[in-house]
Amino acid sequence: MTRTRNTLDRAQVLDFVDSGTRSRRLLVAGDVMLDKYFYGEVTRISPEAPVPVTRVLRQKETMGGAANVVHNLARLGAQVWISGVIGDDYHGESLVKQLEEQGVHTGGLIRTAAPTTTKVRVIGGHQQMMRLDFEDARPLAGRDAARLLKETKARFNAGLDAVIISDYGKGVVTGEVCAAVIGEAARRDVPVIVDPKGRDWNRYAGADYITPNLKELNEVQPAPVPNEDEPVWKAARYAMKKFRIRGMLATRSECGMSLIRPRLAVHLPTKAQEVFDVSGAGDTVIAAFALALAGGLPPAAAAWLSNLAASIVVAKLGTYAVSREELLAALKTAW
């Protein structure tokens, strides 16, 4: 079993995070979402129905789904383009504004007749009271799919260092879209990293890496997989062979993560600390991993860096995008 610390080039990793991220160009294609929060206090039960009345004190709108992956990349200093769909509505405008404020190129966002995928959460005190979802998760097809693929190909023509496919099961990441993106990337020798959803991984065939959590990895196995190094390694090899995927970075909660390739298995423990919230940690992992690969770091070093980035995020409350400065500071104290 490979011991990652002995194989890491400390100077190479530090130099990349310090000055190499800004020149890397990445495309994120997938399910773009807006996360909307209403925070308040509950002081009484409604006279209209037996439900709590939440008096709203403040609200917040943040980038979610594929947009959160983009947010992480932008905060890490990369040049980022996004491909996805939004509605011709307020929520779509909010997403575009937030993305552009981070310097993200939004020309690949296609406006459709469907609503912008939005999750509205009502928080009373420290407890989530309700969630409302606005979405149309039918598979993208026809003219809208053609427009999305046209914009995506234009980005390839301008040059890319890596591509992320962020699948949240909201209709954008179809077999047609995956085949086109993965095929185009293969022709240009650009790595593709996929954050999967559901049981059908056939649409990800040909991808360089896939980044499931343990639950997602279990969904494509013939038998349950315990959270242990050897079973995870075997499960990863099974899925890679079955779905024709070259490598896997499996996230394993309190057991860290595992990087599996045909002739390599690296198991990375979590950093000992208090965990507040794992929301969005998977987005941070794939963003940091893909960015490191785009910068030419070896896969084991890229996995180690993404594990460190995730350790910063889970110590925060709510979805959080780690910055290049935070990651650099963590790196300097990690050895």
Protein backbone atom coordinates (compact mmCIF):
# COMPACT_ATOMS: atom_id res chain seq x y z
CA MET A 1 0.00 0.00 0.00
CA THR A 2 1.43 3.41 -0.97
CA ARG A 3 2.23 5.82 1.84
CA THR A 4 1.34 9.24 0.40
CA ARG A 5 3.53 11.36 2.63
CA ASN A 6 6.70 9.74 1.42
CA THR A 7 5.77 10.20 -2.24
CA LEU A 8 4.71 13.85 -2.09
CA ASP A 9 6.96 16.53 -3.52
CA ARG A 10 6.38 19.26 -0.92
CA ALA A 11 7.96 22.03 -2.99
CA GLN A 12 5.94 21.10 -6.08
CA VAL A 13 2.61 21.15 -4.22
CA LEU A 14 3.38 24.41 -2.41
CA ASP A 15 4.56 26.09 -5.59
CA PHE A 16 1.44 25.06 -7.47
CA VAL A 17 -0.99 26.38 -4.85
CA ASP A 18 1.04 29.54 -4.37
CA SER A 19 1.45 30.54 -8.02
CA GLY A 20 0.26 27.85 -10.41
CA THR A 21 -3.53 27.82 -10.03
CA ARG A 22 -4.13 31.12 -11.84
CA SER A 23 -3.03 29.81 -15.23
CA ARG A 24 -5.21 26.69 -15.15
CA ARG A 25 -8.37 26.66 -17.29
CA LEU A 26 -11.23 24.38 -16.28
CA LEU A 27 -14.75 23.73 -17.52
CA VAL A 28 -17.54 22.55 -15.21
CA ALA A 29 -20.55 21.02 -16.97
CA GLY A 30 -23.59 19.90 -15.03
CA ASP A 31 -26.57 20.69 -12.86
CA VAL A 32 -26.44 24.32 -11.75
CA MET A 33 -28.49 25.24 -8.67
CA LEU A 34 -29.29 28.13 -6.39
CA ASP A 35 -29.40 27.47 -2.64
CA LYS A 36 -31.67 29.91 -0.84
CA TYR A 37 -31.98 30.20 2.94
CA PHE A 38 -34.48 31.97 5.19
CA TYR A 39 -33.28 32.23 8.79
CA GLY A 40 -35.67 33.13 11.59
CA GLU A 41 -37.08 32.36 14.99
CA VAL A 42 -40.07 30.26 15.99
CA THR A 43 -42.19 31.69 18.80
CA ARG A 44 -45.66 30.25 18.26
CA ILE A 45 -47.86 27.76 16.42
CA SER A 46 -50.02 29.03 13.57
CA PRO A 47 -53.77 29.42 14.34
CA GLU A 48 -54.45 28.31 10.74
CA ALA A 49 -52.82 24.88 11.02
CA PRO A 50 -50.64 22.98 13.56
CA VAL A 51 -47.38 24.26 12.12
CA PRO A 52 -44.69 26.56 13.60
CA VAL A 53 -44.61 30.18 12.49
CA THR A 54 -41.09 31.28 11.57
CA ARG A 55 -40.43 35.02 11.69
CA VAL A 56 -37.76 35.63 9.04
CA LEU A 57 -34.79 37.66 10.31
CA ARG A 58 -32.41 37.31 7.36
CA GLN A 59 -31.97 35.48 4.07
CA LYS A 60 -29.08 34.28 1.95
CA GLU A 61 -28.59 33.01 -1.61
CA THR A 62 -25.59 30.89 -2.55
CA MET A 63 -24.31 28.86 -5.48
CA GLY A 64 -25.21 25.17 -5.33
CA GLY A 65 -24.65 21.96 -7.29
CA ALA A 66 -22.26 22.44 -10.20
CA ALA A 67 -22.18 26.15 -9.40
CA ASN A 68 -20.65 25.36 -6.00
CA VAL A 69 -17.90 23.35 -7.73
CA VAL A 70 -17.25 26.42 -9.87
CA HIS A 71 -17.25 28.63 -6.77
CA ASN A 72 -14.54 26.45 -5.20
CA LEU A 73 -12.41 26.58 -8.34
CA ALA A 74 -12.74 30.35 -8.58
CA ARG A 75 -11.78 30.81 -4.93
CA LEU A 76 -8.76 28.59 -5.51
CA GLY A 77 -7.66 30.98 -8.25
CA ALA A 78 -8.45 29.03 -11.42
CA GLN A 79 -9.92 30.38 -14.65
CA VAL A 80 -13.36 28.76 -14.83
CA TRP A 81 -16.07 28.29 -17.44
CA ILE A 82 -19.48 26.79 -16.69
CA SER A 83 -21.93 24.88 -18.89
CA GLY A 84 -25.46 24.22 -17.70
CA VAL A 85 -29.02 25.47 -17.83
CA ILE A 86 -30.92 28.14 -15.93
CA GLY A 87 -34.42 29.54 -16.26
CA ASP A 88 -35.40 32.98 -17.44
CA ASP A 89 -36.23 33.97 -13.87
CA TYR A 90 -34.99 35.80 -10.79
CA HIS A 91 -33.13 32.75 -9.47
CA GLY A 92 -31.22 32.43 -12.73
CA GLU A 93 -30.26 36.09 -12.63
CA SER A 94 -29.06 35.68 -9.04
CA LEU A 95 -26.83 32.77 -10.03
CA VAL A 96 -25.33 34.60 -13.00
CA LYS A 97 -24.59 37.64 -10.84
CA GLN A 98 -22.89 35.59 -8.14
CA LEU A 99 -20.83 33.63 -10.65
CA GLU A 100 -19.68 36.71 -12.50
CA GLU A 101 -18.72 38.38 -9.23
CA GLN A 102 -16.29 35.47 -8.79
CA GLY A 103 -14.85 36.02 -12.27
CA VAL A 104 -16.52 32.93 -13.77
CA HIS A 105 -17.24 32.86 -17.52
CA THR A 106 -21.02 32.28 -17.79
CA GLY A 107 -21.50 32.22 -21.57
CA GLY A 108 -22.14 28.48 -21.42
CA LEU A 109 -25.27 28.87 -19.28
CA ILE A 110 -28.29 28.17 -21.48
CA ARG A 111 -31.62 29.78 -20.60
CA THR A 112 -34.60 27.45 -20.99
CA ALA A 113 -38.35 27.55 -20.31
CA ALA A 114 -37.85 25.43 -17.17
CA PRO A 115 -37.29 27.11 -13.80
CA THR A 116 -33.78 27.52 -12.42
CA THR A 117 -33.17 24.59 -10.07
CA THR A 118 -33.52 26.13 -6.62
CA LYS A 119 -33.60 24.71 -3.10
CA VAL A 120 -35.27 26.96 -0.53
CA ARG A 121 -34.63 26.11 3.12
CA VAL A 122 -36.41 27.65 6.10
CA ILE A 123 -34.28 27.57 9.27
CA GLY A 124 -35.89 28.20 12.65
CA GLY A 125 -33.20 28.70 15.27
CA HIS A 126 -30.70 25.94 14.45
CA GLN A 127 -33.23 23.56 12.94
CA GLN A 128 -34.34 23.20 9.34
CA MET A 129 -38.10 23.54 9.31
CA MET A 130 -38.86 23.04 5.63
CA ARG A 131 -37.34 22.73 2.18
CA LEU A 132 -38.99 23.81 -1.07
CA ASP A 133 -37.57 22.63 -4.40
CA PHE A 134 -38.14 24.44 -7.71
CA GLU A 135 -37.01 22.22 -10.58
CA ASP A 136 -37.77 20.42 -13.79
CA ALA A 137 -35.49 17.37 -13.82
CA ARG A 138 -36.50 15.99 -17.19
CA PRO A 139 -33.45 15.01 -19.31
CA LEU A 140 -32.10 17.83 -21.44
CA ALA A 141 -32.90 17.17 -25.09
CA GLY A 142 -33.56 18.70 -28.49
CA ARG A 143 -32.63 22.29 -29.18
CA ASP A 144 -31.56 23.01 -25.59
CA ALA A 145 -29.12 20.07 -25.56
CA ALA A 146 -27.72 21.14 -28.95
CA ARG A 147 -27.17 24.70 -27.69
CA LEU A 148 -25.39 23.43 -24.58
CA LEU A 149 -23.08 21.16 -26.58
CA LYS A 150 -22.30 23.93 -29.08
CA GLU A 151 -21.18 26.25 -26.26
CA THR A 152 -19.19 23.44 -24.65
CA LYS A 153 -17.33 22.63 -27.87
CA ALA A 154 -16.48 26.31 -28.31
CA ARG A 155 -14.80 26.24 -24.91
CA PHE A 156 -12.73 23.21 -25.91
CA ASN A 157 -11.61 25.05 -29.04
CA ALA A 158 -10.32 27.90 -26.86
CA GLY A 159 -8.26 25.51 -24.71
CA LEU A 160 -8.81 23.64 -21.43
CA ASP A 161 -6.64 21.89 -18.85
CA ALA A 162 -9.38 19.76 -17.24
CA VAL A 163 -13.14 19.16 -17.31
CA ILE A 164 -15.48 18.38 -14.41
CA ILE A 165 -18.89 16.78 -14.95
CA SER A 166 -21.05 17.54 -11.92
CA ASP A 167 -24.13 15.29 -11.91
CA TYR A 168 -26.88 16.09 -9.41
CA GLY A 169 -29.58 14.20 -11.26
CA LYS A 170 -31.41 17.33 -12.43
CA GLY A 171 -31.44 16.51 -16.14
CA VAL A 172 -28.35 18.13 -17.66
CA VAL A 173 -25.92 15.22 -17.40
CA THR A 174 -27.47 12.88 -19.97
CA GLY A 175 -25.78 10.09 -21.88
CA GLU A 176 -25.63 12.37 -24.92
CA VAL A 177 -23.96 15.20 -23.02
CA CYS A 178 -21.46 12.87 -21.31
CA ALA A 179 -20.52 11.11 -24.53
CA ALA A 180 -19.94 14.42 -26.30
CA VAL A 181 -17.92 15.99 -23.48
CA ILE A 182 -15.84 12.89 -22.65
CA GLY A 183 -15.24 12.17 -26.34
CA GLU A 184 -14.12 15.72 -27.10
CA ALA A 185 -11.83 15.72 -24.05
CA ALA A 186 -10.26 12.41 -25.06
CA ARG A 187 -9.48 13.74 -28.54
CA ARG A 188 -7.67 16.67 -27.00
CA ASP A 189 -6.00 14.72 -24.13
CA VAL A 190 -7.88 16.72 -21.48
CA PRO A 191 -8.68 14.84 -18.23
CA VAL A 192 -12.35 14.42 -17.26
CA ILE A 193 -13.38 14.01 -13.61
CA VAL A 194 -16.98 13.05 -12.78
CA ASP A 195 -19.03 13.52 -9.63
CA PRO A 196 -21.65 10.76 -10.16
CA LYS A 197 -25.31 10.36 -9.34
CA GLY A 198 -27.53 7.29 -9.33
CA ARG A 199 -26.94 3.68 -10.35
CA ASP A 200 -26.28 4.11 -14.07
CA TRP A 201 -22.62 4.94 -14.47
CA ASN A 202 -22.54 3.72 -18.08
CA ARG A 203 -22.90 7.31 -19.25
CA TYR A 204 -19.55 8.15 -17.61
CA ALA A 205 -17.63 5.55 -19.67
CA GLY A 206 -14.23 6.81 -20.75
CA ALA A 207 -13.85 9.32 -17.89
CA ASP A 208 -10.43 9.59 -16.28
CA TYR A 209 -11.72 9.72 -12.71
CA ILE A 210 -14.98 9.40 -10.81
CA THR A 211 -15.44 10.74 -7.26
CA PRO A 212 -18.25 8.87 -5.47
CA ASN A 213 -18.88 8.82 -1.76
CA LEU A 214 -19.27 5.45 -0.08
CA LYS A 215 -23.06 5.48 -0.43
CA GLU A 216 -22.81 6.19 -4.16
CA LEU A 217 -20.15 3.49 -4.59
CA ASN A 218 -22.44 1.00 -2.83
CA GLU A 219 -25.26 1.77 -5.25
CA VAL A 220 -23.37 0.15 -8.15
CA GLN A 221 -22.13 -2.93 -6.26
CA PRO A 222 -23.60 -6.45 -6.20
CA ALA A 223 -23.14 -6.61 -2.40
CA PRO A 224 -22.74 -4.04 0.44
CA VAL A 225 -19.27 -2.51 0.82
CA PRO A 226 -18.02 -1.83 4.39
CA ASN A 227 -15.99 1.32 5.01
CA GLU A 228 -12.65 -0.49 5.09
CA ASP A 229 -9.59 -0.15 2.85
CA GLU A 230 -9.56 -3.57 1.19
CA PRO A 231 -13.32 -3.80 0.44
CA VAL A 232 -13.32 -0.24 -0.93
CA TRP A 233 -10.35 -1.08 -3.17
CA LYS A 234 -12.12 -4.17 -4.52
CA ALA A 235 -15.39 -2.28 -5.04
CA ALA A 236 -13.58 0.49 -6.89
CA ARG A 237 -11.82 -1.98 -9.19
CA TYR A 238 -15.15 -3.69 -9.91
CA ALA A 239 -16.87 -0.40 -10.82
CA MET A 240 -13.92 0.86 -12.87
CA LYS A 241 -13.89 -2.30 -14.95
CA LYS A 242 -17.66 -2.54 -15.33
CA PHE A 243 -18.16 1.09 -16.38
CA ARG A 244 -14.83 1.60 -18.19
CA ILE A 245 -13.51 4.38 -15.95
CA ARG A 246 -9.75 4.77 -15.51
CA GLY A 247 -9.55 5.86 -11.87
CA MET A 248 -11.54 6.62 -8.75
CA LEU A 249 -11.25 8.97 -5.78
CA ALA A 250 -13.75 7.59 -3.25
CA THR A 251 -14.65 9.78 -0.26
CA ARG A 252 -15.29 7.80 2.93
CA SER A 253 -16.45 10.27 5.63
CA GLU A 254 -14.56 9.68 8.89
CA CYS A 255 -12.28 7.14 7.13
CA GLY A 256 -10.89 9.71 4.71
CA MET A 257 -10.64 8.90 1.01
CA SER A 258 -9.13 6.33 -1.33
CA LEU A 259 -7.43 6.91 -4.67
CA ILE A 260 -7.67 3.82 -6.86
CA ARG A 261 -5.99 3.30 -10.23
CA PRO A 262 -5.19 0.07 -12.09
CA ARG A 263 -1.82 -0.29 -10.33
CA LEU A 264 -2.19 2.10 -7.41
CA ALA A 265 -4.17 2.27 -4.18
CA VAL A 266 -3.66 5.19 -1.80
CA HIS A 267 -5.77 5.47 1.36
CA LEU A 268 -5.77 8.92 2.97
CA PRO A 269 -6.96 9.34 6.57
CA THR A 270 -8.98 12.35 7.65
CA LYS A 271 -7.37 15.12 9.63
CA ALA A 272 -8.28 14.76 13.31
CA GLN A 273 -10.60 17.67 14.12
CA GLU A 274 -14.13 18.59 15.07
CA VAL A 275 -16.47 18.25 12.09
CA PHE A 276 -19.30 20.77 11.90
CA ASP A 277 -20.85 20.21 8.48
CA VAL A 278 -20.08 18.03 5.45
CA SER A 279 -22.37 20.07 3.15
CA GLY A 280 -20.59 20.74 -0.11
CA ALA A 281 -17.43 18.86 0.87
CA GLY A 282 -17.72 16.64 -2.21
CA ASP A 283 -17.75 19.74 -4.41
CA THR A 284 -14.54 20.92 -2.75
CA VAL A 285 -12.90 17.52 -3.21
CA ILE A 286 -13.56 17.31 -6.95
CA ALA A 287 -12.62 20.97 -7.49
CA ALA A 288 -9.26 20.70 -5.72
CA PHE A 289 -8.49 17.28 -7.25
CA ALA A 290 -9.28 18.39 -10.81
CA LEU A 291 -7.37 21.65 -10.41
CA ALA A 292 -4.30 19.80 -9.15
CA LEU A 293 -4.45 17.36 -12.07
CA ALA A 294 -4.84 20.30 -14.45
CA GLY A 295 -1.69 21.75 -12.93
CA GLY A 296 0.30 18.60 -13.61
CA LEU A 297 0.48 17.26 -10.05
CA PRO A 298 0.68 13.45 -9.72
CA PRO A 299 -2.68 11.80 -8.87
CA ALA A 300 -1.58 10.87 -5.32
CA ALA A 301 -0.53 14.47 -4.63
CA ALA A 302 -3.80 15.75 -6.13
CA ALA A 303 -5.79 13.42 -3.86
CA TRP A 304 -3.79 14.48 -0.81
CA LEU A 305 -4.40 18.15 -1.62
CA SER A 306 -8.15 17.60 -2.08
CA ASN A 307 -8.27 15.78 1.25
CA LEU A 308 -6.62 18.77 2.93
CA ALA A 309 -9.06 21.18 1.25
CA ALA A 310 -12.01 19.10 2.44
CA SER A 311 -10.72 19.20 6.01
CA ILE A 312 -10.99 23.01 5.91
CA VAL A 313 -14.53 22.95 4.55
CA VAL A 314 -16.05 20.45 7.00
CA ALA A 315 -14.90 22.62 9.91
CA LYS A 316 -17.23 25.40 8.68
CA LEU A 317 -20.96 25.73 9.16
CA GLY A 318 -22.97 25.42 5.93
CA THR A 319 -21.72 25.15 2.36
CA TYR A 320 -18.31 26.78 2.09
CA ALA A 321 -15.80 27.34 -0.73
CA VAL A 322 -12.19 27.21 0.40
CA SER A 323 -9.85 29.95 -0.80
CA ARG A 324 -6.35 29.60 -2.23
CA GLU A 325 -4.99 31.57 0.75
CA GLU A 326 -6.63 29.21 3.25
CA LEU A 327 -5.33 26.15 1.44
CA LEU A 328 -1.84 27.61 1.23
CA ALA A 329 -1.84 28.36 4.97
CA ALA A 330 -3.02 24.81 5.73
CA LEU A 331 -0.29 23.39 3.49
CA LYS A 332 2.44 25.27 5.35
CA THR A 333 1.39 23.65 8.64
CA ALA A 334 0.61 20.19 7.22
CA TRP A 335 4.19 18.88 7.16
